[in-house]
């Protein structure tokens, strides 16, 4: 990056980095640390407030869950009696004995193996309209033993539809047992796992495993929780009735209270609901999320702004230093070129002057030739000095112009006539399209002469092998334009905006710089700006260039007056 930057400017960059950038970065780091400490303190206070509010809201939700027996905070309800978990039940109750009225039918069915006699006895019991669901199940069983399968399935279906919530002697719902025996198991797994019937753990596991051994159901999680509750939860001995207690174990948080001295009811909290619903809602209400977002935006924005300012400072410094270094290099080239350019006419003037002094015997014709060379080189030297002085005044912003209203055509024709002799000696032909008059414009005659000569001189330098130059003066709506066109080297598009800068010279590949000092077009642009006009260029490499001076026409009702 510093390869083309002089040592003095490199030192300036290092001083800037050491005295501004480094301390600024240090202060920025200290500011960031201070801000981060304050932010952490605020986060801690906010977290404590949020935690207190979350506990209060959680306890309030737990109270509502106990009173309403339904709330999103509840995952599983449980009941403990005499120190044992009775809900969710881990084991089914012991089987009950059949009523005494069933003894004869059961003896026929089970002991005598006479399902036909048992079927008649069960149907007599059914006529009593007592124990209808239990009797219906025995009738369906007897039909199945007799091989009357279709009748048996029809009986099971009727039982499942009529008495789905009644239970057999083993406390199994007929809605499940009858459906399985009838073969109507479609959707039964989903109804069981959806909690359609309250089952003990061993019952639920047996039925679900029987229906689909490959599936697992979250319904069974409550029984795993009940087993962990049995193993890990030991409530205190002295509990105040109806007071809310909480306890955490094994990834579960439970809320419970004593209903009596030997009964505890409670529930496992739905931690997902607390974390992903209740907490975000509290954060919104307390403005925690907005505060965090604002802190992040402020924090990141401040850092980005400081870094942007520092980076912009470095970039601007590098740009100015690079531009100054380039200007100094061009100025050095300018001084060297001007010195060489001054040396040539001075040498010729001195050479021919000394020749005339030392050899007075030259003929009159020879003397006139020498006088012509001395006069031409003197004029050349004068133009060079005038150009340099004009540039110096422009740079110091001391160049003034006396603008008067007039006709450009005679002045430009005279300048072209004066310059044509030199052009013809150099082998150039000039195509002139200069009308005798043009609409009046405000102009400074001396400055305009210099601008026109600079354009003609530029055309000669960059014509290459071509020897044709065209000059044109034309009027259009509201303006008068003067053009100088050559058919030479042309100017690349990327450089056309730069040629009006001071010291800038176009490099044309193998031809290099075509002489000059990069002042002519700079002065032309300055003159045209002072005239309220503009300098334009149309060019294409290898096909030549057309430079155009555009003057706004003077207002007819404005008086001619000097203008700076």
Protein backbone atom coordinates (compact mmCIF):
# COMPACT_ATOMS: atom_id res chain seq x y z
CA UNK A 1 0.00 0.00 0.00
CA UNK A 2 2.91 2.39 0.79
CA UNK A 3 5.09 1.30 -2.13
CA UNK A 4 4.57 4.49 -4.20
CA UNK A 5 4.24 6.88 -1.24
CA UNK A 6 7.28 9.05 -0.40
CA UNK A 7 8.97 8.59 2.94
CA UNK A 8 7.67 11.93 4.24
CA UNK A 9 4.07 10.91 3.59
CA UNK A 10 4.62 7.46 5.02
CA UNK A 11 5.78 9.17 8.18
CA UNK A 12 2.61 11.29 8.18
CA UNK A 13 0.48 8.16 7.84
CA UNK A 14 2.30 6.48 10.72
CA UNK A 15 1.93 9.63 12.85
CA UNK A 16 -1.81 9.69 12.09
CA UNK A 17 -2.13 6.03 12.96
CA UNK A 18 -0.10 6.45 16.15
CA UNK A 19 -1.59 9.69 17.45
CA UNK A 20 -5.22 9.36 16.34
CA UNK A 21 -6.18 5.87 15.28
CA UNK A 22 -4.38 3.93 18.04
CA UNK A 23 -5.60 6.18 20.93
CA UNK A 24 -9.10 6.21 19.43
CA UNK A 25 -9.10 2.42 19.26
CA UNK A 26 -7.86 2.28 22.86
CA UNK A 27 -10.58 4.64 24.03
CA UNK A 28 -13.09 2.66 22.01
CA UNK A 29 -11.96 -0.55 23.73
CA UNK A 30 -12.23 1.07 27.18
CA UNK A 31 -15.66 2.42 26.26
CA UNK A 32 -16.76 -0.99 25.08
CA UNK A 33 -15.55 -2.59 28.30
CA UNK A 34 -17.37 0.02 30.42
CA UNK A 35 -20.52 -0.35 28.34
CA UNK A 36 -20.32 -4.13 28.61
CA UNK A 37 -19.98 -3.97 32.41
CA UNK A 38 -22.99 -1.67 32.66
CA UNK A 39 -24.91 -3.88 30.28
CA UNK A 40 -24.10 -6.98 32.34
CA UNK A 41 -25.22 -5.22 35.52
CA UNK A 42 -28.45 -4.22 33.80
CA UNK A 43 -28.90 -7.76 32.50
CA UNK A 44 -28.43 -9.13 36.02
CA UNK A 45 -30.98 -6.73 37.50
CA UNK A 46 -33.39 -7.45 34.67
CA UNK A 47 -32.91 -11.19 35.09
CA UNK A 48 -33.61 -10.95 38.82
CA UNK A 49 -36.77 -8.93 38.18
CA UNK A 50 -37.84 -11.33 35.44
CA UNK A 51 -37.17 -14.33 37.69
CA UNK A 52 -39.30 -12.85 40.50
CA UNK A 53 -42.12 -12.03 38.08
CA UNK A 54 -41.87 -15.48 36.50
CA UNK A 55 -42.14 -17.19 39.90
CA UNK A 56 -45.17 -15.08 40.80
CA UNK A 57 -46.89 -15.78 37.47
CA UNK A 58 -46.06 -19.49 37.70
CA UNK A 59 -47.51 -19.76 41.20
CA UNK A 60 -50.64 -17.90 40.10
CA UNK A 61 -51.03 -20.29 37.14
CA UNK A 62 -50.57 -23.25 39.50
CA UNK A 63 -53.34 -21.95 41.78
CA UNK A 64 -55.67 -21.63 38.78
CA UNK A 65 -54.74 -25.14 37.65
CA UNK A 66 -55.77 -26.59 41.05
CA UNK A 67 -59.08 -24.76 41.01
CA UNK A 68 -59.94 -25.31 37.33
CA UNK A 69 -58.34 -28.76 36.96
CA UNK A 70 -57.14 -27.60 33.55
CA UNK A 71 -54.37 -25.19 32.53
CA UNK A 72 -51.46 -25.08 30.05
CA UNK A 73 -49.04 -25.24 32.97
CA UNK A 74 -50.21 -28.79 33.77
CA UNK A 75 -48.40 -31.70 32.19
CA UNK A 76 -49.61 -34.56 34.44
CA UNK A 77 -51.84 -34.49 37.49
CA UNK A 78 -50.97 -36.89 40.30
CA UNK A 79 -52.45 -38.04 43.61
CA UNK A 80 -50.63 -39.60 46.56
CA UNK A 81 -52.52 -41.42 49.32
CA UNK A 82 -50.85 -42.89 52.37
CA UNK A 83 -47.45 -42.26 50.77
CA UNK A 84 -48.22 -44.17 47.54
CA UNK A 85 -48.94 -42.79 44.08
CA UNK A 86 -52.49 -43.75 43.21
CA UNK A 87 -52.83 -41.55 40.14
CA UNK A 88 -51.49 -42.16 37.57
CA UNK A 89 -51.95 -45.72 38.78
CA UNK A 90 -48.95 -47.96 38.26
CA UNK A 91 -50.90 -51.22 38.78
CA UNK A 92 -54.49 -52.29 38.18
CA UNK A 93 -56.58 -53.27 41.24
CA UNK A 94 -56.98 -56.94 42.11
CA UNK A 95 -59.70 -58.74 40.12
CA UNK A 96 -63.15 -58.73 41.69
CA UNK A 97 -65.30 -61.80 42.24
CA UNK A 98 -68.38 -62.28 40.10
CA UNK A 99 -71.76 -61.80 41.78
CA UNK A 100 -73.24 -64.93 43.38
CA UNK A 101 -75.97 -65.03 40.69
CA UNK A 102 -73.21 -65.91 38.15
CA UNK A 103 -72.12 -69.08 39.99
CA UNK A 104 -74.33 -71.54 38.11
CA UNK A 105 -73.54 -70.13 34.68
CA UNK A 106 -69.80 -70.00 35.43
CA UNK A 107 -69.92 -73.61 36.69
CA UNK A 108 -71.51 -74.71 33.41
CA UNK A 109 -69.06 -72.70 31.32
CA UNK A 110 -65.84 -73.24 33.17
CA UNK A 111 -66.19 -76.48 35.14
CA UNK A 112 -68.51 -78.53 32.95
CA UNK A 113 -67.24 -77.00 29.72
CA UNK A 114 -70.83 -76.67 28.51
CA UNK A 115 -70.96 -73.20 26.89
CA UNK A 116 -74.36 -74.10 25.41
CA UNK A 117 -75.89 -74.46 28.89
CA UNK A 118 -73.95 -71.43 30.13
CA UNK A 119 -75.31 -69.34 27.21
CA UNK A 120 -78.88 -70.11 28.30
CA UNK A 121 -78.08 -69.27 31.93
CA UNK A 122 -76.40 -65.95 30.95
CA UNK A 123 -79.40 -64.99 28.83
CA UNK A 124 -81.66 -65.59 31.84
CA UNK A 125 -79.43 -63.27 33.88
CA UNK A 126 -79.62 -60.65 31.12
CA UNK A 127 -83.41 -60.66 31.43
CA UNK A 128 -82.99 -59.43 35.01
CA UNK A 129 -81.50 -56.15 33.69
CA UNK A 130 -78.71 -56.33 36.22
CA UNK A 131 -74.95 -56.40 35.46
CA UNK A 132 -75.90 -56.02 31.77
CA UNK A 133 -72.38 -55.23 30.48
CA UNK A 134 -70.80 -58.09 32.44
CA UNK A 135 -73.54 -60.54 31.34
CA UNK A 136 -73.17 -59.41 27.71
CA UNK A 137 -69.45 -60.11 27.81
CA UNK A 138 -70.13 -63.67 29.11
CA UNK A 139 -72.72 -64.26 26.35
CA UNK A 140 -70.19 -63.11 23.70
CA UNK A 141 -67.56 -65.38 25.25
CA UNK A 142 -69.89 -68.40 25.25
CA UNK A 143 -70.84 -67.79 21.58
CA UNK A 144 -67.17 -67.72 20.69
CA UNK A 145 -66.58 -71.04 22.48
CA UNK A 146 -69.49 -72.56 20.56
CA UNK A 147 -67.82 -71.53 17.29
CA UNK A 148 -70.53 -69.01 16.44
CA UNK A 149 -67.94 -66.38 15.59
CA UNK A 150 -70.10 -63.92 13.70
CA UNK A 151 -72.67 -63.86 16.47
CA UNK A 152 -69.88 -63.49 18.99
CA UNK A 153 -68.38 -60.50 17.10
CA UNK A 154 -71.78 -58.90 16.83
CA UNK A 155 -72.24 -59.31 20.59
CA UNK A 156 -68.81 -57.80 21.28
CA UNK A 157 -69.56 -54.83 18.98
CA UNK A 158 -72.88 -54.21 20.74
CA UNK A 159 -71.11 -54.33 24.10
CA UNK A 160 -68.37 -51.90 22.94
CA UNK A 161 -70.96 -49.47 21.61
CA UNK A 162 -73.41 -49.70 24.52
CA UNK A 163 -71.12 -49.92 27.53
CA UNK A 164 -67.67 -48.53 26.49
CA UNK A 165 -66.88 -47.18 29.96
CA UNK A 166 -68.07 -50.16 32.02
CA UNK A 167 -65.31 -52.44 33.22
CA UNK A 168 -64.90 -56.17 33.60
CA UNK A 169 -63.89 -57.90 36.82
CA UNK A 170 -60.19 -57.11 36.07
CA UNK A 171 -61.05 -53.37 35.82
CA UNK A 172 -60.55 -53.28 32.02
CA UNK A 173 -62.91 -51.01 30.01
CA UNK A 174 -65.31 -52.93 27.78
CA UNK A 175 -64.72 -50.21 25.15
CA UNK A 176 -61.21 -51.69 24.76
CA UNK A 177 -61.75 -55.40 25.52
CA UNK A 178 -64.89 -55.75 23.38
CA UNK A 179 -63.34 -53.85 20.44
CA UNK A 180 -60.27 -56.08 20.48
CA UNK A 181 -62.40 -59.28 20.60
CA UNK A 182 -64.59 -57.96 17.78
CA UNK A 183 -61.51 -57.13 15.70
CA UNK A 184 -62.52 -53.48 15.48
CA UNK A 185 -59.09 -52.01 16.38
CA UNK A 186 -58.88 -49.21 13.80
CA UNK A 187 -58.23 -45.98 15.73
CA UNK A 188 -58.24 -47.80 19.06
CA UNK A 189 -54.52 -47.11 19.64
CA UNK A 190 -55.10 -43.38 19.18
CA UNK A 191 -58.12 -43.36 21.53
CA UNK A 192 -56.16 -45.14 24.26
CA UNK A 193 -53.06 -42.92 23.86
CA UNK A 194 -55.34 -39.87 23.77
CA UNK A 195 -56.53 -40.64 27.30
CA UNK A 196 -60.06 -41.84 26.39
CA UNK A 197 -60.01 -44.22 29.37
CA UNK A 198 -58.16 -43.90 32.63
CA UNK A 199 -55.88 -46.91 32.80
CA UNK A 200 -53.21 -48.21 35.08
CA UNK A 201 -49.65 -48.33 33.75
CA UNK A 202 -49.63 -52.11 33.24
CA UNK A 203 -52.98 -51.99 31.41
CA UNK A 204 -51.98 -49.14 29.10
CA UNK A 205 -48.64 -50.70 28.27
CA UNK A 206 -50.24 -54.09 27.60
CA UNK A 207 -53.01 -52.77 25.32
CA UNK A 208 -50.76 -50.45 23.32
CA UNK A 209 -48.08 -53.09 22.92
CA UNK A 210 -50.74 -55.59 21.79
CA UNK A 211 -52.18 -53.18 19.22
CA UNK A 212 -48.84 -51.99 17.73
CA UNK A 213 -45.58 -53.28 19.24
CA UNK A 214 -43.47 -50.97 17.02
CA UNK A 215 -45.05 -47.69 18.13
CA UNK A 216 -44.29 -45.61 21.19
CA UNK A 217 -46.70 -43.12 22.70
CA UNK A 218 -46.12 -39.99 24.82
CA UNK A 219 -49.18 -41.19 26.76
CA UNK A 220 -46.91 -43.62 28.59
CA UNK A 221 -44.65 -40.76 29.81
CA UNK A 222 -47.03 -40.05 32.68
CA UNK A 223 -46.41 -43.55 34.04
CA UNK A 224 -42.64 -43.11 33.80
CA UNK A 225 -43.12 -39.84 35.70
CA UNK A 226 -45.23 -41.68 38.32
CA UNK A 227 -42.44 -44.22 38.83
CA UNK A 228 -39.83 -41.42 39.22
CA UNK A 229 -42.21 -39.64 41.61
CA UNK A 230 -42.51 -42.81 43.70
CA UNK A 231 -38.75 -43.22 43.85
CA UNK A 232 -37.53 -39.62 44.27
CA UNK A 233 -40.25 -37.54 45.90
CA UNK A 234 -40.43 -37.67 49.68
CA UNK A 235 -42.84 -34.98 50.90
CA UNK A 236 -42.27 -33.33 54.29
CA UNK A 237 -44.15 -34.84 57.17
CA UNK A 238 -45.92 -31.64 58.31
CA UNK A 239 -47.79 -30.02 55.44
CA UNK A 240 -50.24 -27.15 55.81
CA UNK A 241 -53.46 -28.01 54.03
CA UNK A 242 -54.19 -26.04 50.83
CA UNK A 243 -50.77 -24.33 50.88
CA UNK A 244 -48.91 -24.47 47.57
CA UNK A 245 -45.55 -26.25 47.57
CA UNK A 246 -43.05 -26.86 44.80
CA UNK A 247 -40.30 -29.41 44.32
CA UNK A 248 -37.80 -30.23 41.54
CA UNK A 249 -36.31 -33.61 40.72
CA UNK A 250 -35.03 -35.48 37.68
CA UNK A 251 -35.88 -32.76 35.16
CA UNK A 252 -39.40 -32.35 36.61
CA UNK A 253 -40.86 -29.48 38.58
CA UNK A 254 -43.98 -30.34 40.57
CA UNK A 255 -46.53 -28.24 42.40
CA UNK A 256 -48.48 -29.94 45.18
CA UNK A 257 -50.59 -29.36 48.28
CA UNK A 258 -52.04 -31.41 51.08
CA UNK A 259 -55.75 -32.13 50.76
CA UNK A 260 -55.76 -33.97 54.08
CA UNK A 261 -53.31 -35.60 56.42
CA UNK A 262 -52.92 -38.66 54.20
CA UNK A 263 -53.66 -37.27 50.74
CA UNK A 264 -51.52 -35.06 48.47
CA UNK A 265 -52.58 -33.81 45.04
CA UNK A 266 -50.40 -32.04 42.54
CA UNK A 267 -49.12 -31.89 38.99
CA UNK A 268 -45.93 -31.95 36.97
CA UNK A 269 -45.37 -28.53 35.41
CA UNK A 270 -45.18 -28.12 31.64
CA UNK A 271 -41.69 -26.59 31.48
CA UNK A 272 -41.94 -25.98 27.73
CA UNK A 273 -45.00 -23.78 28.28
CA UNK A 274 -43.24 -21.86 31.05
CA UNK A 275 -40.08 -21.24 29.01
CA UNK A 276 -41.53 -20.74 25.55
CA UNK A 277 -44.86 -19.07 26.29
CA UNK A 278 -45.00 -17.57 29.77
CA UNK A 279 -41.40 -16.25 29.85
CA UNK A 280 -41.52 -14.54 26.40
CA UNK A 281 -44.86 -12.97 27.33
CA UNK A 282 -43.36 -11.57 30.53
CA UNK A 283 -40.31 -10.31 28.62
CA UNK A 284 -42.57 -8.44 26.24
CA UNK A 285 -44.59 -6.96 29.09
CA UNK A 286 -41.45 -5.90 30.97
CA UNK A 287 -39.74 -4.65 27.79
CA UNK A 288 -36.77 -6.99 28.27
CA UNK A 289 -36.63 -8.07 24.62
CA UNK A 290 -36.81 -4.47 23.38
CA UNK A 291 -34.11 -3.41 25.84
CA UNK A 292 -31.81 -6.16 24.63
CA UNK A 293 -32.47 -5.26 20.99
CA UNK A 294 -31.90 -1.54 21.66
CA UNK A 295 -28.70 -2.28 23.58
CA UNK A 296 -27.44 -4.41 20.71
CA UNK A 297 -28.30 -1.75 18.12
CA UNK A 298 -26.72 1.03 20.19
CA UNK A 299 -23.69 -1.08 21.02
CA UNK A 300 -23.08 -2.23 17.45
CA UNK A 301 -23.98 1.12 15.92
CA UNK A 302 -21.52 3.06 18.09
CA UNK A 303 -18.68 0.66 17.27
CA UNK A 304 -19.53 0.70 13.58
CA UNK A 305 -19.69 4.52 13.53
CA UNK A 306 -16.31 4.96 15.22
CA UNK A 307 -14.67 2.37 12.98
CA UNK A 308 -16.27 4.00 9.93
CA UNK A 309 -14.96 7.43 10.92
CA UNK A 310 -11.45 6.08 11.56
CA UNK A 311 -11.48 4.13 8.30
CA UNK A 312 -12.75 7.19 6.42
CA UNK A 313 -9.94 9.23 7.95
CA UNK A 314 -7.32 6.72 6.84
CA UNK A 315 -8.83 6.50 3.35
CA UNK A 316 -9.02 10.29 2.97
CA UNK A 317 -5.47 10.68 4.26
CA UNK A 318 -4.17 8.08 1.83
CA UNK A 319 -6.14 9.65 -1.02
CA UNK A 320 -4.85 13.16 -0.27
CA UNK A 321 -1.29 11.94 0.18
CA UNK A 322 -1.42 9.93 -3.02
CA UNK A 323 -2.90 12.88 -4.90
CA UNK A 324 -0.30 15.25 -3.44
CA UNK A 325 2.51 12.85 -4.27
CA UNK A 326 1.21 12.56 -7.83
CA UNK A 327 0.88 16.35 -8.11
CA UNK A 328 4.43 16.83 -6.82
CA UNK A 329 5.73 14.29 -9.30
CA UNK A 330 3.87 16.00 -12.13
CA UNK A 331 5.09 19.39 -10.93
CA UNK A 332 8.64 18.07 -10.97
CA UNK A 333 8.12 16.78 -14.51
CA UNK A 334 6.63 20.16 -15.41
CA UNK A 335 9.62 22.08 -14.11
CA UNK A 336 11.98 19.73 -15.94
CA UNK A 337 9.99 20.00 -19.19
CA UNK A 338 9.66 23.79 -18.98
CA UNK A 339 13.38 24.12 -18.35
CA UNK A 340 14.10 22.08 -21.45
CA UNK A 341 11.49 23.97 -23.47
CA UNK A 342 12.93 27.34 -22.40
CA UNK A 343 16.43 26.23 -23.21
CA UNK A 344 15.66 25.55 -26.90
CA UNK A 345 14.47 29.05 -27.97
CA UNK A 346 17.03 30.75 -25.74
CA UNK A 347 19.81 28.68 -27.33
CA UNK A 348 18.61 29.46 -30.85
CA UNK A 349 18.23 33.16 -30.14
CA UNK A 350 21.72 33.30 -28.64
CA UNK A 351 23.23 31.21 -31.44
CA UNK A 352 21.84 33.35 -34.26
CA UNK A 353 22.48 36.57 -32.37
CA UNK A 354 26.16 35.66 -31.87
CA UNK A 355 26.40 34.56 -35.49
CA UNK A 356 25.16 37.96 -36.69
CA UNK A 357 27.56 39.76 -34.37
CA UNK A 358 30.67 37.75 -35.30
CA UNK A 359 30.05 37.47 -39.02
CA UNK A 360 28.73 40.79 -40.36
CA UNK A 361 29.41 39.75 -43.96
CA UNK A 362 26.13 37.81 -44.34
CA UNK A 363 23.90 38.93 -47.16
CA UNK A 364 20.69 40.82 -46.51
CA UNK A 365 18.60 37.73 -47.39
CA UNK A 366 20.56 35.56 -44.97
CA UNK A 367 20.23 38.18 -42.25
CA UNK A 368 16.44 38.31 -42.75
CA UNK A 369 16.32 34.53 -42.35
CA UNK A 370 18.25 34.77 -39.09
CA UNK A 371 16.06 37.65 -37.90
CA UNK A 372 12.96 35.56 -38.69
CA UNK A 373 14.25 32.64 -36.62
CA UNK A 374 15.08 34.97 -33.72
CA UNK A 375 11.64 36.61 -33.96
CA UNK A 376 9.82 33.24 -34.15
CA UNK A 377 11.71 31.79 -31.20
CA UNK A 378 11.15 34.99 -29.21
CA UNK A 379 7.41 34.72 -29.86
CA UNK A 380 7.51 31.06 -28.88
CA UNK A 381 9.38 31.99 -25.73
CA UNK A 382 6.83 34.71 -24.96
CA UNK A 383 3.89 32.34 -25.40
CA UNK A 384 5.55 29.85 -23.08
CA UNK A 385 6.19 32.48 -20.43
CA UNK A 386 2.62 33.84 -20.78
CA UNK A 387 1.22 30.33 -20.36
CA UNK A 388 3.27 29.73 -17.25
CA UNK A 389 2.32 33.10 -15.76
CA UNK A 390 -1.35 32.50 -16.53
CA UNK A 391 -1.22 29.10 -14.85
CA UNK A 392 0.49 30.63 -11.83
CA UNK A 393 -2.25 33.28 -11.49
CA UNK A 394 -4.97 30.65 -11.91
CA UNK A 395 -3.45 28.48 -9.18
CA UNK A 396 -3.28 31.49 -6.84
CA UNK A 397 -6.82 32.44 -7.85
CA UNK A 398 -5.54 35.85 -9.00
CA UNK A 399 -6.40 35.54 -12.68
CA UNK A 400 -9.02 38.10 -13.69
CA UNK A 401 -10.98 38.48 -16.90
CA UNK A 402 -12.53 41.58 -18.47
CA UNK A 403 -15.69 40.31 -20.16
CA UNK A 404 -17.27 42.51 -22.80
CA UNK A 405 -20.11 41.82 -25.16
CA UNK A 406 -19.01 41.28 -28.73
CA UNK A 407 -18.75 39.11 -31.83
CA UNK A 408 -16.42 36.12 -31.59
CA UNK A 409 -16.14 35.53 -35.32
CA UNK A 410 -13.60 38.27 -36.27
CA UNK A 411 -11.39 37.55 -33.28
CA UNK A 412 -11.27 33.79 -33.88
CA UNK A 413 -10.68 34.29 -37.63
CA UNK A 414 -7.75 36.56 -36.84
CA UNK A 415 -6.22 34.05 -34.39
CA UNK A 416 -6.56 31.22 -36.92
CA UNK A 417 -5.01 33.43 -39.66
CA UNK A 418 -2.05 34.26 -37.45
CA UNK A 419 -1.53 30.61 -36.52
CA UNK A 420 -2.09 29.24 -40.04
CA UNK A 421 1.35 30.36 -41.28
CA UNK A 422 3.09 28.30 -38.63
CA UNK A 423 0.74 25.38 -39.28
CA UNK A 424 1.43 25.43 -43.01
CA UNK A 425 5.21 25.47 -42.45
CA UNK A 426 4.70 22.41 -40.22
CA UNK A 427 2.89 20.68 -43.10
CA UNK A 428 -0.68 20.99 -41.78
CA UNK A 429 -3.75 21.92 -43.78
CA UNK A 430 -6.53 23.84 -42.06
CA UNK A 431 -10.18 23.34 -43.02
CA UNK A 432 -11.97 26.52 -41.93
CA UNK A 433 -15.71 26.90 -41.40
CA UNK A 434 -15.82 30.37 -39.90
CA UNK A 435 -18.83 32.60 -40.63
CA UNK A 436 -18.18 36.35 -40.83
CA UNK A 437 -20.30 37.02 -37.74
CA UNK A 438 -21.94 35.27 -34.80
CA UNK A 439 -24.46 36.19 -32.09
CA UNK A 440 -22.93 38.43 -29.41
CA UNK A 441 -21.42 36.81 -26.34
CA UNK A 442 -19.55 38.05 -23.27
CA UNK A 443 -15.82 37.32 -23.60
CA UNK A 444 -12.29 38.44 -22.70
CA UNK A 445 -10.36 38.79 -25.97
CA UNK A 446 -6.93 38.00 -24.52
CA UNK A 447 -8.16 34.96 -22.61
CA UNK A 448 -10.12 33.71 -25.61
CA UNK A 449 -7.01 34.05 -27.81
CA UNK A 450 -5.04 31.96 -25.36
CA UNK A 451 -7.75 29.29 -25.22
CA UNK A 452 -7.95 29.04 -29.03
CA UNK A 453 -4.15 28.89 -29.39
CA UNK A 454 -3.96 26.18 -26.72
CA UNK A 455 -6.50 24.06 -28.64
CA UNK A 456 -4.66 24.54 -31.95
CA UNK A 457 -1.34 23.72 -30.30
CA UNK A 458 -2.92 20.63 -28.73
CA UNK A 459 -4.23 19.48 -32.13
CA UNK A 460 -0.74 19.76 -33.65
CA UNK A 461 0.88 17.76 -30.82
CA UNK A 462 -1.60 14.91 -30.97
CA UNK A 463 -2.26 14.64 -34.71
CA UNK A 464 0.23 11.84 -35.12
CA UNK A 465 0.78 11.09 -38.83
CA UNK A 466 -2.30 13.08 -39.84
CA UNK A 467 -1.79 16.61 -41.15
CA UNK A 468 -5.39 17.79 -41.32
CA UNK A 469 -7.00 20.12 -38.79
CA UNK A 470 -10.50 21.58 -38.93
CA UNK A 471 -11.81 24.69 -37.15
CA UNK A 472 -15.50 25.57 -36.99
CA UNK A 473 -17.62 28.31 -35.48
CA UNK A 474 -21.38 27.82 -35.24
CA UNK A 475 -24.35 29.30 -33.43
CA UNK A 476 -27.21 27.29 -31.93
CA UNK A 477 -30.16 28.09 -29.69
CA UNK A 478 -28.75 30.21 -26.86
CA UNK A 479 -25.03 29.50 -27.46
CA UNK A 480 -22.05 29.93 -29.79
CA UNK A 481 -19.55 27.10 -30.12
CA UNK A 482 -16.01 26.93 -31.52
CA UNK A 483 -14.48 23.55 -32.46
CA UNK A 484 -10.97 22.34 -33.23
CA UNK A 485 -10.82 18.84 -34.73
CA UNK A 486 -7.83 16.62 -35.52
CA UNK A 487 -7.57 13.11 -36.93
CA UNK A 488 -4.74 11.90 -34.79
CA UNK A 489 -4.16 9.68 -31.78
CA UNK A 490 -7.40 10.27 -29.91
CA UNK A 491 -8.04 9.99 -26.17
CA UNK A 492 -9.20 6.85 -24.29
CA UNK A 493 -12.65 7.23 -22.72
CA UNK A 494 -11.25 6.61 -19.23
CA UNK A 495 -8.98 9.66 -19.53
CA UNK A 496 -11.35 12.15 -21.12
CA UNK A 497 -12.50 13.51 -17.75
CA UNK A 498 -8.91 13.86 -16.53
CA UNK A 499 -7.34 15.83 -19.40
CA UNK A 500 -8.63 19.14 -18.00
CA UNK A 501 -6.78 18.57 -14.70
CA UNK A 502 -3.51 20.41 -14.08
CA UNK A 503 -0.33 18.63 -15.20
CA UNK A 504 -2.30 15.74 -16.68
CA UNK A 505 -0.98 14.39 -19.98
CA UNK A 506 -2.49 11.57 -22.00
CA UNK A 507 -0.29 8.50 -22.46
CA UNK A 508 -0.93 6.92 -25.84
CA UNK A 509 0.64 3.49 -25.56
CA UNK A 510 3.81 3.19 -27.58
CA UNK A 511 3.84 6.94 -28.34
CA UNK A 512 4.10 7.83 -24.67
CA UNK A 513 3.49 11.46 -23.72
CA UNK A 514 3.37 13.75 -26.74
CA UNK A 515 5.12 16.73 -25.14
CA UNK A 516 3.46 19.61 -23.30
CA UNK A 517 3.11 20.14 -19.60
CA UNK A 518 -0.53 19.35 -18.89
CA UNK A 519 -1.37 23.06 -18.51
CA UNK A 520 -3.08 24.01 -21.76
CA UNK A 521 -6.42 22.29 -21.27
CA UNK A 522 -6.41 23.14 -17.57
CA UNK A 523 -6.17 26.84 -18.48
CA UNK A 524 -8.85 26.37 -21.19
CA UNK A 525 -11.27 24.89 -18.66
CA UNK A 526 -10.59 27.75 -16.23
CA UNK A 527 -11.18 30.37 -18.95
CA UNK A 528 -14.46 28.78 -20.01
CA UNK A 529 -15.67 28.49 -16.41
CA UNK A 530 -15.01 32.22 -15.98
CA UNK A 531 -17.00 32.92 -19.16
CA UNK A 532 -19.98 30.91 -17.87
CA UNK A 533 -19.43 28.42 -20.69
CA UNK A 534 -17.95 24.98 -20.90
CA UNK A 535 -15.13 23.04 -22.56
CA UNK A 536 -16.09 19.68 -24.11
CA UNK A 537 -14.29 16.84 -25.87
CA UNK A 538 -15.42 14.06 -28.19
CA UNK A 539 -12.69 11.55 -28.93
CA UNK A 540 -12.01 8.00 -30.00
CA UNK A 541 -8.55 6.38 -29.87
CA UNK A 542 -7.02 6.15 -33.35
CA UNK A 543 -9.62 8.45 -34.95
CA UNK A 544 -8.82 11.83 -33.47
CA UNK A 545 -10.42 14.36 -31.13
CA UNK A 546 -12.86 17.28 -31.34
CA UNK A 547 -12.54 19.98 -28.68
CA UNK A 548 -15.42 22.41 -28.31
CA UNK A 549 -15.74 25.76 -26.52
CA UNK A 550 -19.37 26.66 -25.82
CA UNK A 551 -20.26 30.30 -24.96
CA UNK A 552 -23.74 31.36 -23.79
CA UNK A 553 -25.14 34.21 -25.89
CA UNK A 554 -25.37 37.59 -24.19
CA UNK A 555 -28.78 39.00 -23.17
CA UNK A 556 -29.79 41.79 -25.52
CA UNK A 557 -31.01 44.01 -22.75
CA UNK A 558 -27.84 43.71 -20.61
CA UNK A 559 -25.28 46.47 -20.87
CA UNK A 560 -21.68 45.61 -21.62
CA UNK A 561 -19.68 45.85 -18.45
CA UNK A 562 -16.37 44.63 -17.03
CA UNK A 563 -16.74 41.33 -15.20
CA UNK A 564 -14.24 39.55 -12.99
